[in-house]
C-alpha atoms as a PDB file:
ATOM      1  CA  MET A   1     106.196  98.414  52.733  1.00  0.00           C
ATOM      2  CA  SER A   2     109.703  98.871  54.141  1.00  0.00           C
ATOM      3  CA  ALA A   3     110.839  97.037  57.277  1.00  0.00           C
ATOM      4  CA  SER A   4     111.028 100.299  59.235  1.00  0.00           C
ATOM      5  CA  ALA A   5     107.542 101.319  58.165  1.00  0.00           C
ATOM      6  CA  ALA A   6     106.187  97.907  59.079  1.00  0.00           C
ATOM      7  CA  ALA A   7     107.776  98.134  62.512  1.00  0.00           C
ATOM      8  CA  ALA A   8     106.046 101.470  63.083  1.00  0.00           C
ATOM      9  CA  VAL A   9     102.598  99.990  62.512  1.00  0.00           C
ATOM     10  CA  PRO A  10     101.051  98.844  65.826  1.00  0.00           C
ATOM     11  CA  ARG A  11     100.736  95.090  65.892  1.00  0.00           C
ATOM     12  CA  PRO A  12      97.196  93.761  66.370  1.00  0.00           C
ATOM     13  CA  GLY A  13      96.624  92.771  69.955  1.00  0.00           C
ATOM     14  CA  ARG A  14      99.643  94.655  71.315  1.00  0.00           C
ATOM     15  CA  THR A  15      97.526  96.435  73.920  1.00  0.00           C
ATOM     16  CA  ARG A  16      95.898  93.162  74.865  1.00  0.00           C
ATOM     17  CA  ALA A  17      99.314  91.554  75.235  1.00  0.00           C
ATOM     18  CA  PHE A  18     100.436  94.386  77.525  1.00  0.00           C
ATOM     19  CA  LEU A  19      97.326  93.960  79.660  1.00  0.00           C
ATOM     20  CA  ARG A  20      98.131  90.247  79.950  1.00  0.00           C
ATOM     21  CA  LEU A  21     101.685  91.185  80.878  1.00  0.00           C
ATOM     22  CA  VAL A  22     100.542  93.327  83.811  1.00  0.00           C
ATOM     23  CA  MET A  23      97.669  90.943  84.692  1.00  0.00           C
ATOM     24  CA  ILE A  24      95.210  93.824  84.891  1.00  0.00           C
ATOM     25  CA  GLU A  25      92.489  91.548  86.288  1.00  0.00           C
ATOM     26  CA  HIS A  26      94.508  91.122  89.491  1.00  0.00           C
ATOM     27  CA  SER A  27      93.524  94.643  90.507  1.00  0.00           C
ATOM     28  CA  VAL A  28      90.736  92.777  92.327  1.00  0.00           C
ATOM     29  CA  PHE A  29      93.231  92.039  95.123  1.00  0.00           C
ATOM     30  CA  ALA A  30      93.954  95.674  96.006  1.00  0.00           C
ATOM     31  CA  LEU A  31      91.012  97.786  94.807  1.00  0.00           C
ATOM     32  CA  PRO A  32      88.363  96.494  97.265  1.00  0.00           C
ATOM     33  CA  PHE A  33      90.438  97.607 100.250  1.00  0.00           C
ATOM     34  CA  ALA A  34      91.111 101.030  98.758  1.00  0.00           C
ATOM     35  CA  TYR A  35      87.348 101.347  98.307  1.00  0.00           C
ATOM     36  CA  ILE A  36      86.704 100.258 101.895  1.00  0.00           C
ATOM     37  CA  ALA A  37      89.094 102.945 103.156  1.00  0.00           C
ATOM     38  CA  ALA A  38      87.745 105.646 100.856  1.00  0.00           C
ATOM     39  CA  LEU A  39      84.084 104.905 101.615  1.00  0.00           C
ATOM     40  CA  THR A  40      84.714 104.741 105.361  1.00  0.00           C
ATOM     41  CA  ALA A  41      86.465 108.117 105.176  1.00  0.00           C
ATOM     42  CA  MET A  42      83.522 109.527 103.213  1.00  0.00           C
ATOM     43  CA  PHE A  43      81.096 108.138 105.783  1.00  0.00           C
ATOM     44  CA  GLU A  44      83.023 109.709 108.647  1.00  0.00           C
ATOM     45  CA  SER A  45      83.608 113.058 106.954  1.00  0.00           C
ATOM     46  CA  GLY A  46      80.259 113.753 105.325  1.00  0.00           C
ATOM     47  CA  GLY A  47      78.094 110.684 105.078  1.00  0.00           C
ATOM     48  CA  SER A  48      77.813 110.581 101.285  1.00  0.00           C
ATOM     49  CA  VAL A  49      79.788 109.099  98.413  1.00  0.00           C
ATOM     50  CA  ASP A  50      81.960 111.484  96.409  1.00  0.00           C
ATOM     51  CA  TRP A  51      81.894 109.708  93.058  1.00  0.00           C
ATOM     52  CA  VAL A  52      84.540 111.891  91.424  1.00  0.00           C
ATOM     53  CA  THR A  53      87.004 111.161  94.220  1.00  0.00           C
ATOM     54  CA  LEU A  54      86.169 107.459  94.064  1.00  0.00           C
ATOM     55  CA  LEU A  55      86.827 107.474  90.316  1.00  0.00           C
ATOM     56  CA  LEU A  56      90.171 109.209  90.809  1.00  0.00           C
ATOM     57  CA  VAL A  57      91.122 106.694  93.507  1.00  0.00           C
ATOM     58  CA  THR A  58      90.337 103.911  91.017  1.00  0.00           C
ATOM     59  CA  VAL A  59      92.441 105.539  88.290  1.00  0.00           C
ATOM     60  CA  ALA A  60      95.334 106.118  90.697  1.00  0.00           C
ATOM     61  CA  MET A  61      95.258 102.546  92.030  1.00  0.00           C
ATOM     62  CA  VAL A  62      95.086 100.926  88.595  1.00  0.00           C
ATOM     63  CA  GLY A  63      97.763 103.263  87.236  1.00  0.00           C
ATOM     64  CA  LEU A  64     100.190 102.560  90.068  1.00  0.00           C
ATOM     65  CA  ARG A  65      99.573  98.823  90.005  1.00  0.00           C
ATOM     66  CA  THR A  66     100.052  98.712  86.215  1.00  0.00           C
ATOM     67  CA  PHE A  67     103.340 100.585  86.580  1.00  0.00           C
ATOM     68  CA  ALA A  68     104.468  98.213  89.329  1.00  0.00           C
ATOM     69  CA  MET A  69     103.637  95.070  87.352  1.00  0.00           C
ATOM     70  CA  ALA A  70     105.294  96.365  84.187  1.00  0.00           C
ATOM     71  CA  CYS A  71     108.473  97.207  86.115  1.00  0.00           C
ATOM     72  CA  ASN A  72     108.360  93.792  87.782  1.00  0.00           C
ATOM     73  CA  ARG A  73     108.144  92.001  84.446  1.00  0.00           C
ATOM     74  CA  ILE A  74     110.868  94.134  82.839  1.00  0.00           C
ATOM     75  CA  ILE A  75     113.323  93.749  85.714  1.00  0.00           C
ATOM     76  CA  ASP A  76     112.626  90.017  86.091  1.00  0.00           C
ATOM     77  CA  ARG A  77     112.557  89.056  82.419  1.00  0.00           C
ATOM     78  CA  GLU A  78     115.877  87.169  82.542  1.00  0.00           C
ATOM     79  CA  ILE A  79     114.839  85.300  85.711  1.00  0.00           C
ATOM     80  CA  ASP A  80     111.475  84.519  84.105  1.00  0.00           C
ATOM     81  CA  ALA A  81     113.211  83.083  81.045  1.00  0.00           C
ATOM     82  CA  ARG A  82     115.050  80.528  83.216  1.00  0.00           C
ATOM     83  CA  ASN A  83     111.939  79.381  85.085  1.00  0.00           C
ATOM     84  CA  PRO A  84     109.696  76.893  83.225  1.00  0.00           C
ATOM     85  CA  ARG A  85     106.594  78.321  84.943  1.00  0.00           C
ATOM     86  CA  THR A  86     107.264  81.864  83.712  1.00  0.00           C
ATOM     87  CA  ALA A  87     109.057  81.182  80.425  1.00  0.00           C
ATOM     88  CA  GLY A  88     105.826  81.891  78.525  1.00  0.00           C
ATOM     89  CA  ARG A  89     105.479  85.450  79.797  1.00  0.00           C
ATOM     90  CA  GLU A  90     105.114  88.129  77.157  1.00  0.00           C
ATOM     91  CA  LEU A  91     108.532  89.761  77.546  1.00  0.00           C
ATOM     92  CA  VAL A  92     110.240  86.379  77.343  1.00  0.00           C
ATOM     93  CA  THR A  93     108.398  85.230  74.230  1.00  0.00           C
ATOM     94  CA  GLY A  94     108.566  88.620  72.528  1.00  0.00           C
ATOM     95  CA  ALA A  95     104.812  89.175  72.484  1.00  0.00           C
ATOM     96  CA  VAL A  96     105.610  92.493  74.176  1.00  0.00           C
ATOM     97  CA  SER A  97     108.899  94.299  73.562  1.00  0.00           C
ATOM     98  CA  VAL A  98     110.908  95.818  76.384  1.00  0.00           C
ATOM     99  CA  ARG A  99     110.429  99.216  74.770  1.00  0.00           C
ATOM    100  CA  SER A 100     106.654  98.777  74.697  1.00  0.00           C
ATOM    101  CA  ALA A 101     106.672  97.631  78.315  1.00  0.00           C
ATOM    102  CA  TRP A 102     108.627 100.703  79.388  1.00  0.00           C
ATOM    103  CA  THR A 103     106.255 102.904  77.389  1.00  0.00           C
ATOM    104  CA  GLY A 104     103.267 101.323  79.115  1.00  0.00           C
ATOM    105  CA  ALA A 105     104.919 101.712  82.508  1.00  0.00           C
ATOM    106  CA  GLY A 106     105.646 105.366  81.780  1.00  0.00           C
ATOM    107  CA  ILE A 107     102.068 106.067  80.726  1.00  0.00           C
ATOM    108  CA  ALA A 108     100.758 104.255  83.815  1.00  0.00           C
ATOM    109  CA  VAL A 109     102.892 106.257  86.259  1.00  0.00           C
ATOM    110  CA  VAL A 110     101.904 109.529  84.560  1.00  0.00           C
ATOM    111  CA  VAL A 111      98.245 108.527  84.916  1.00  0.00           C
ATOM    112  CA  PHE A 112      98.868 107.753  88.599  1.00  0.00           C
ATOM    113  CA  LEU A 113     100.593 111.087  89.234  1.00  0.00           C
ATOM    114  CA  GLY A 114      97.881 112.945  87.328  1.00  0.00           C
ATOM    115  CA  ALA A 115      95.130 111.342  89.418  1.00  0.00           C
ATOM    116  CA  ALA A 116      97.073 112.136  92.614  1.00  0.00           C
ATOM    117  CA  ALA A 117      97.400 115.775  91.525  1.00  0.00           C
ATOM    118  CA  LEU A 118      93.660 116.019  90.913  1.00  0.00           C
ATOM    119  CA  LEU A 119      92.876 114.557  94.338  1.00  0.00           C
ATOM    120  CA  ASN A 120      94.717 116.944  96.663  1.00  0.00           C
ATOM    121  CA  PRO A 121      98.204 118.435  97.257  1.00  0.00           C
ATOM    122  CA  LEU A 122      99.103 115.898  99.957  1.00  0.00           C
ATOM    123  CA  CYS A 123      98.392 112.965  97.636  1.00  0.00           C
ATOM    124  CA  LEU A 124     100.604 114.524  94.962  1.00  0.00           C
ATOM    125  CA  ALA A 125     103.392 115.224  97.465  1.00  0.00           C
ATOM    126  CA  LEU A 126     103.354 111.630  98.740  1.00  0.00           C
ATOM    127  CA  ALA A 127     102.870 109.981  95.337  1.00  0.00           C
ATOM    128  CA  PRO A 128     106.620 109.505  94.692  1.00  0.00           C
ATOM    129  CA  VAL A 129     106.877 107.687  98.042  1.00  0.00           C
ATOM    130  CA  ALA A 130     104.307 105.175  96.795  1.00  0.00           C
ATOM    131  CA  VAL A 131     106.310 104.575  93.615  1.00  0.00           C
ATOM    132  CA  VAL A 132     109.567 103.597  95.364  1.00  0.00           C
ATOM    133  CA  PRO A 133     108.638 100.154  96.790  1.00  0.00           C
ATOM    134  CA  MET A 134     107.017  99.232  93.481  1.00  0.00           C
ATOM    135  CA  VAL A 135     110.436  99.461  91.839  1.00  0.00           C
ATOM    136  CA  VAL A 136     112.400  98.054  94.786  1.00  0.00           C
ATOM    137  CA  TYR A 137     110.254  94.902  95.113  1.00  0.00           C
ATOM    138  CA  PRO A 138     111.456  93.051  91.981  1.00  0.00           C
ATOM    139  CA  TYR A 139     115.063  93.695  93.029  1.00  0.00           C
ATOM    140  CA  GLY A 140     114.297  92.377  96.528  1.00  0.00           C
ATOM    141  CA  LYS A 141     114.673  88.745  95.520  1.00  0.00           C
ATOM    142  CA  ARG A 142     118.283  89.556  94.633  1.00  0.00           C
ATOM    143  CA  PHE A 143     119.348  90.830  98.061  1.00  0.00           C
ATOM    144  CA  THR A 144     116.941  89.513 100.733  1.00  0.00           C
ATOM    145  CA  ASN A 145     115.209  86.272 101.631  1.00  0.00           C
ATOM    146  CA  PHE A 146     112.107  88.320 102.484  1.00  0.00           C
ATOM    147  CA  PRO A 147     111.007  90.082  99.275  1.00  0.00           C
ATOM    148  CA  HIS A 148     107.438  89.224 100.310  1.00  0.00           C
ATOM    149  CA  ALA A 149     107.711  91.890 103.032  1.00  0.00           C
ATOM    150  CA  ILE A 150     108.564  94.538 100.429  1.00  0.00           C
ATOM    151  CA  LEU A 151     105.503  93.496  98.418  1.00  0.00           C
ATOM    152  CA  GLY A 152     103.390  93.730 101.566  1.00  0.00           C
ATOM    153  CA  LEU A 153     104.689  97.250 102.264  1.00  0.00           C
ATOM    154  CA  ALA A 154     103.878  98.316  98.720  1.00  0.00           C
ATOM    155  CA  GLN A 155     100.336  96.957  98.982  1.00  0.00           C
ATOM    156  CA  ALA A 156      99.791  98.459 102.437  1.00  0.00           C
ATOM    157  CA  MET A 157      99.900 101.946 100.974  1.00  0.00           C
ATOM    158  CA  GLY A 158      96.682 101.500  98.988  1.00  0.00           C
ATOM    159  CA  PRO A 159      94.136 101.994 101.808  1.00  0.00           C
ATOM    160  CA  VAL A 160      96.257 104.757 103.358  1.00  0.00           C
ATOM    161  CA  GLY A 161      96.400 106.591 100.041  1.00  0.00           C
ATOM    162  CA  ALA A 162      92.665 106.148  99.475  1.00  0.00           C
ATOM    163  CA  TRP A 163      91.884 107.670 102.876  1.00  0.00           C
ATOM    164  CA  LEU A 164      94.259 110.582 102.181  1.00  0.00           C
ATOM    165  CA  ALA A 165      92.523 111.076  98.843  1.00  0.00           C
ATOM    166  CA  VAL A 166      89.200 111.672 100.596  1.00  0.00           C
ATOM    167  CA  THR A 167      90.258 113.663 103.643  1.00  0.00           C
ATOM    168  CA  GLY A 168      93.654 115.128 102.793  1.00  0.00           C
ATOM    169  CA  SER A 169      94.820 114.173 106.276  1.00  0.00           C
ATOM    170  CA  TRP A 170      96.549 111.269 108.019  1.00  0.00           C
ATOM    171  CA  SER A 171      94.522 108.456 109.607  1.00  0.00           C
ATOM    172  CA  TRP A 172      95.844 105.710 111.876  1.00  0.00           C
ATOM    173  CA  ASP A 173      92.681 103.720 111.157  1.00  0.00           C
ATOM    174  CA  ALA A 174      93.724 103.625 107.518  1.00  0.00           C
ATOM    175  CA  VAL A 175      97.217 102.545 108.564  1.00  0.00           C
ATOM    176  CA  VAL A 176      95.728  99.584 110.454  1.00  0.00           C
ATOM    177  CA  LEU A 177      93.718  98.573 107.383  1.00  0.00           C
ATOM    178  CA  GLY A 178      96.777  99.065 105.198  1.00  0.00           C
ATOM    179  CA  LEU A 179      98.873  96.845 107.456  1.00  0.00           C
ATOM    180  CA  ALA A 180      96.156  94.179 107.349  1.00  0.00           C
ATOM    181  CA  VAL A 181      96.215  94.240 103.547  1.00  0.00           C
ATOM    182  CA  GLY A 182     100.024  94.235 103.421  1.00  0.00           C
ATOM    183  CA  VAL A 183     100.388  91.290 105.802  1.00  0.00           C
ATOM    184  CA  TRP A 184      97.621  89.417 103.969  1.00  0.00           C
ATOM    185  CA  ILE A 185      99.254  89.856 100.555  1.00  0.00           C
ATOM    186  CA  GLY A 186     102.707  89.132 101.936  1.00  0.00           C
ATOM    187  CA  GLY A 187     101.282  85.931 103.400  1.00  0.00           C
ATOM    188  CA  PHE A 188      99.760  84.648 100.200  1.00  0.00           C
ATOM    189  CA  ASP A 189     102.907  85.615  98.306  1.00  0.00           C
ATOM    190  CA  LEU A 190     104.713  83.159 100.606  1.00  0.00           C
ATOM    191  CA  ILE A 191     102.314  80.474  99.390  1.00  0.00           C
ATOM    192  CA  PHE A 192     102.702  81.485  95.755  1.00  0.00           C
ATOM    193  CA  ALA A 193     106.516  81.399  95.941  1.00  0.00           C
ATOM    194  CA  CYS A 194     106.462  77.752  97.022  1.00  0.00           C
ATOM    195  CA  GLN A 195     105.930  76.589  93.453  1.00  0.00           C
ATOM    196  CA  ASP A 196     109.235  78.131  92.335  1.00  0.00           C
ATOM    197  CA  VAL A 197     111.535  76.661  94.990  1.00  0.00           C
ATOM    198  CA  ARG A 198     113.469  74.400  92.624  1.00  0.00           C
ATOM    199  CA  ALA A 199     114.038  77.095  89.984  1.00  0.00           C
ATOM    200  CA  ASP A 200     114.815  79.768  92.575  1.00  0.00           C
ATOM    201  CA  ARG A 201     117.454  77.637  94.267  1.00  0.00           C
ATOM    202  CA  ALA A 202     118.979  76.698  90.920  1.00  0.00           C
ATOM    203  CA  HIS A 203     119.335  80.305  89.821  1.00  0.00           C
ATOM    204  CA  GLY A 204     120.061  82.047  93.112  1.00  0.00           C
ATOM    205  CA  VAL A 205     116.684  83.777  93.443  1.00  0.00           C
ATOM    206  CA  MET A 206     115.996  84.576  97.096  1.00  0.00           C
ATOM    207  CA  SER A 207     112.731  83.918  98.948  1.00  0.00           C
ATOM    208  CA  VAL A 208     111.488  82.391 102.189  1.00  0.00           C
ATOM    209  CA  PRO A 209     110.592  79.027 100.575  1.00  0.00           C
ATOM    210  CA  ALA A 210     113.926  78.870  98.749  1.00  0.00           C
ATOM    211  CA  ARG A 211     115.911  79.652 101.905  1.00  0.00           C
ATOM    212  CA  PHE A 212     113.896  77.962 104.655  1.00  0.00           C
ATOM    213  CA  GLY A 213     111.805  75.391 102.794  1.00  0.00           C
ATOM    214  CA  ILE A 214     108.156  75.015 101.842  1.00  0.00           C
ATOM    215  CA  PRO A 215     106.874  73.905 105.282  1.00  0.00           C
ATOM    216  CA  ALA A 216     108.386  76.996 106.923  1.00  0.00           C
ATOM    217  CA  ALA A 217     106.886  79.234 104.232  1.00  0.00           C
ATOM    218  CA  LEU A 218     103.414  77.757 104.705  1.00  0.00           C
ATOM    219  CA  TRP A 219     103.642  78.192 108.469  1.00  0.00           C
ATOM    220  CA  GLY A 220     104.766  81.767 107.866  1.00  0.00           C
ATOM    221  CA  ALA A 221     101.725  82.324 105.655  1.00  0.00           C
ATOM    222  CA  ARG A 222      99.437  80.956 108.369  1.00  0.00           C
ATOM    223  CA  ALA A 223     101.008  83.313 110.894  1.00  0.00           C
ATOM    224  CA  CYS A 224     100.601  86.241 108.509  1.00  0.00           C
ATOM    225  CA  HIS A 225      96.929  85.497 107.995  1.00  0.00           C
ATOM    226  CA  ALA A 226      96.317  85.141 111.718  1.00  0.00           C
ATOM    227  CA  VAL A 227      97.864  88.596 112.169  1.00  0.00           C
ATOM    228  CA  THR A 228      95.738  89.841 109.274  1.00  0.00           C
ATOM    229  CA  MET A 229      92.565  88.764 111.052  1.00  0.00           C
ATOM    230  CA  GLY A 230      93.704  90.558 114.200  1.00  0.00           C
ATOM    231  CA  LEU A 231      94.354  93.749 112.240  1.00  0.00           C
ATOM    232  CA  PHE A 232      90.996  93.517 110.451  1.00  0.00           C
ATOM    233  CA  ALA A 233      89.291  93.184 113.844  1.00  0.00           C
ATOM    234  CA  TRP A 234      91.265  96.182 115.139  1.00  0.00           C
ATOM    235  CA  TYR A 235      90.115  98.228 112.144  1.00  0.00           C
ATOM    236  CA  ALA A 236      86.494  97.189 112.687  1.00  0.00           C
ATOM    237  CA  LEU A 237      86.648  98.244 116.329  1.00  0.00           C
ATOM    238  CA  ALA A 238      88.442 101.520 115.557  1.00  0.00           C
ATOM    239  CA  THR A 239      85.858 102.559 112.972  1.00  0.00           C
ATOM    240  CA  GLY A 240      82.813 101.453 114.971  1.00  0.00           C
ATOM    241  CA  ALA A 241      81.823  98.828 112.415  1.00  0.00           C
ATOM    242  CA  GLY A 242      78.466  97.135 112.596  1.00  0.00           C
ATOM    243  CA  ALA A 243      77.287  93.556 112.246  1.00  0.00           C
ATOM    244  CA  PHE A 244      77.745  93.280 108.479  1.00  0.00           C
ATOM    245  CA  LEU A 245      81.471  94.036 108.553  1.00  0.00           C
ATOM    246  CA  TRP A 246      81.927  91.559 111.402  1.00  0.00           C
ATOM    247  CA  LEU A 247      80.037  89.024 109.287  1.00  0.00           C
ATOM    248  CA  GLY A 248      82.487  89.758 106.486  1.00  0.00           C
ATOM    249  CA  LEU A 249      85.410  89.106 108.819  1.00  0.00           C
ATOM    250  CA  ALA A 250      83.886  85.758 109.759  1.00  0.00           C
ATOM    251  CA  VAL A 251      83.640  84.887 106.056  1.00  0.00           C
ATOM    252  CA  VAL A 252      87.281  85.902 105.569  1.00  0.00           C
ATOM    253  CA  ALA A 253      88.364  83.732 108.506  1.00  0.00           C
ATOM    254  CA  VAL A 254      86.615  80.711 106.969  1.00  0.00           C
ATOM    255  CA  ALA A 255      88.225  81.470 103.601  1.00  0.00           C
ATOM    256  CA  PHE A 256      91.669  81.582 105.237  1.00  0.00           C
ATOM    257  CA  VAL A 257      91.080  78.210 106.897  1.00  0.00           C
ATOM    258  CA  TYR A 258      90.021  76.757 103.546  1.00  0.00           C
ATOM    259  CA  GLU A 259      92.993  78.312 101.749  1.00  0.00           C
ATOM    260  CA  HIS A 260      95.474  76.741 104.147  1.00  0.00           C
ATOM    261  CA  SER A 261      93.702  73.392 104.115  1.00  0.00           C
ATOM    262  CA  ILE A 262      94.127  72.888 100.359  1.00  0.00           C
ATOM    263  CA  VAL A 263      97.859  73.646 100.186  1.00  0.00           C
ATOM    264  CA  THR A 264     100.322  71.386 101.994  1.00  0.00           C
ATOM    265  CA  PRO A 265     104.100  70.927 101.732  1.00  0.00           C
ATOM    266  CA  HIS A 266     103.556  67.677  99.837  1.00  0.00           C
ATOM    267  CA  ASP A 267     100.672  68.814  97.632  1.00  0.00           C
ATOM    268  CA  LEU A 268     100.818  72.160  95.819  1.00  0.00           C
ATOM    269  CA  SER A 269      98.419  71.052  93.075  1.00  0.00           C
ATOM    270  CA  ARG A 270      95.692  73.417  94.288  1.00  0.00           C
ATOM    271  CA  LEU A 271      97.986  76.373  94.866  1.00  0.00           C
ATOM    272  CA  ASN A 272      96.466  78.435  92.054  1.00  0.00           C
ATOM    273  CA  ARG A 273      93.001  77.920  93.545  1.00  0.00           C
ATOM    274  CA  ALA A 274      94.310  79.157  96.892  1.00  0.00           C
ATOM    275  CA  PHE A 275      96.114  82.104  95.351  1.00  0.00           C
ATOM    276  CA  PHE A 276      93.722  83.390  92.711  1.00  0.00           C
ATOM    277  CA  THR A 277      90.247  82.133  93.584  1.00  0.00           C
ATOM    278  CA  VAL A 278      90.275  82.297  97.381  1.00  0.00           C
ATOM    279  CA  ASN A 279      92.156  85.569  97.687  1.00  0.00           C
ATOM    280  CA  GLY A 280      90.063  87.210  94.997  1.00  0.00           C
ATOM    281  CA  PHE A 281      86.963  86.058  96.867  1.00  0.00           C
ATOM    282  CA  ILE A 282      88.305  87.488 100.153  1.00  0.00           C
ATOM    283  CA  GLY A 283      88.697  90.984  98.724  1.00  0.00           C
ATOM    284  CA  ILE A 284      85.303  91.062  97.037  1.00  0.00           C
ATOM    285  CA  ALA A 285      83.426  89.472  99.959  1.00  0.00           C
ATOM    286  CA  LEU A 286      84.869  91.858 102.520  1.00  0.00           C
ATOM    287  CA  PHE A 287      84.157  94.860 100.304  1.00  0.00           C
ATOM    288  CA  VAL A 288      80.516  93.824  99.810  1.00  0.00           C
ATOM    289  CA  CYS A 289      80.076  93.351 103.564  1.00  0.00           C
ATOM    290  CA  ALA A 290      81.825  96.651 104.353  1.00  0.00           C
ATOM    291  CA  LEU A 291      79.705  98.532 101.819  1.00  0.00           C
ATOM    292  CA  THR A 292      76.529  96.981 103.195  1.00  0.00           C
ATOM    293  CA  ASP A 293      77.601  97.897 106.720  1.00  0.00           C
ATOM    294  CA  LEU A 294      78.333 101.519 105.796  1.00  0.00           C
ATOM    295  CA  SER A 295      75.025 101.787 103.896  1.00  0.00           C
ATOM    296  CA  VAL A 296      73.077 100.472 106.887  1.00  0.00           C
ATOM    297  CA  ARG A 297      74.883 102.938 109.127  1.00  0.00           C
ATOM    298  CA  GLY A 298      73.921 105.868 106.885  1.00  0.00           C
ATOM    299  CA  LEU A 299      76.295 106.212 103.945  1.00  0.00           C
ATOM    300  CA  THR A 300      74.329 107.681 101.037  1.00  0.00           C
ATOM    301  CA  PRO A 301      75.122 107.550  97.284  1.00  0.00           C
END
């Protein structure tokens, strides 16, 4: 077999490598809140679950997030190569080629736009707006000390888009939920960035921890999560939530306290537990409580 023919044959595990590249399992951070928004909108507009719409919301969310992560990895591949923590990423090691990553990103954004088109005209019209911060975010660390805010803005659009998908109209309640999600994710990104302070400073990568120090970043994360709780409470009040959602907020508050108790400026050894385990738990726990609350209040399958 010639070299060109061999190159044309898909390598075993290439799809799996791409899925590792975009960390597909991290959809757990954003999807639960899109579902909360969509199901609340369905409850308020008709009282029953529209499964086709919910499926399209899922496809759109996963498609957009996959596109965002692929772009992030492509744009940051040279920075990743200089950081010991990220030097094993697929684009650095060659497990995924840049061409394959761009192909995956292109397919993902087409899937996102297709799902938006099938939802309603407003979703399709606003879909390009959702794409912009996904591309801007990885460049943010090159021109601002607050790239975490750009990430938060990008994530805030999920619940808003999910509500628009159901109703085709604007909702300030969804904006409140979106802001809660954006501030929450921006806050835990502050924590996550603490582990890269030394490499970021060495290579001119900008972030709050790199510019202001780890203690300031952790205090900023605490402030973000306090604001998040306030916004969650606002959303619960605005949508007339019942006891189960309030119970979920109490669980989230305890999880936040735990998260901030296990990460200190002098001990980042449990940072991954705070980032992955606790924040994944927060999304799933609040979704389960919100779904239970809506079901008790009359949402039907």
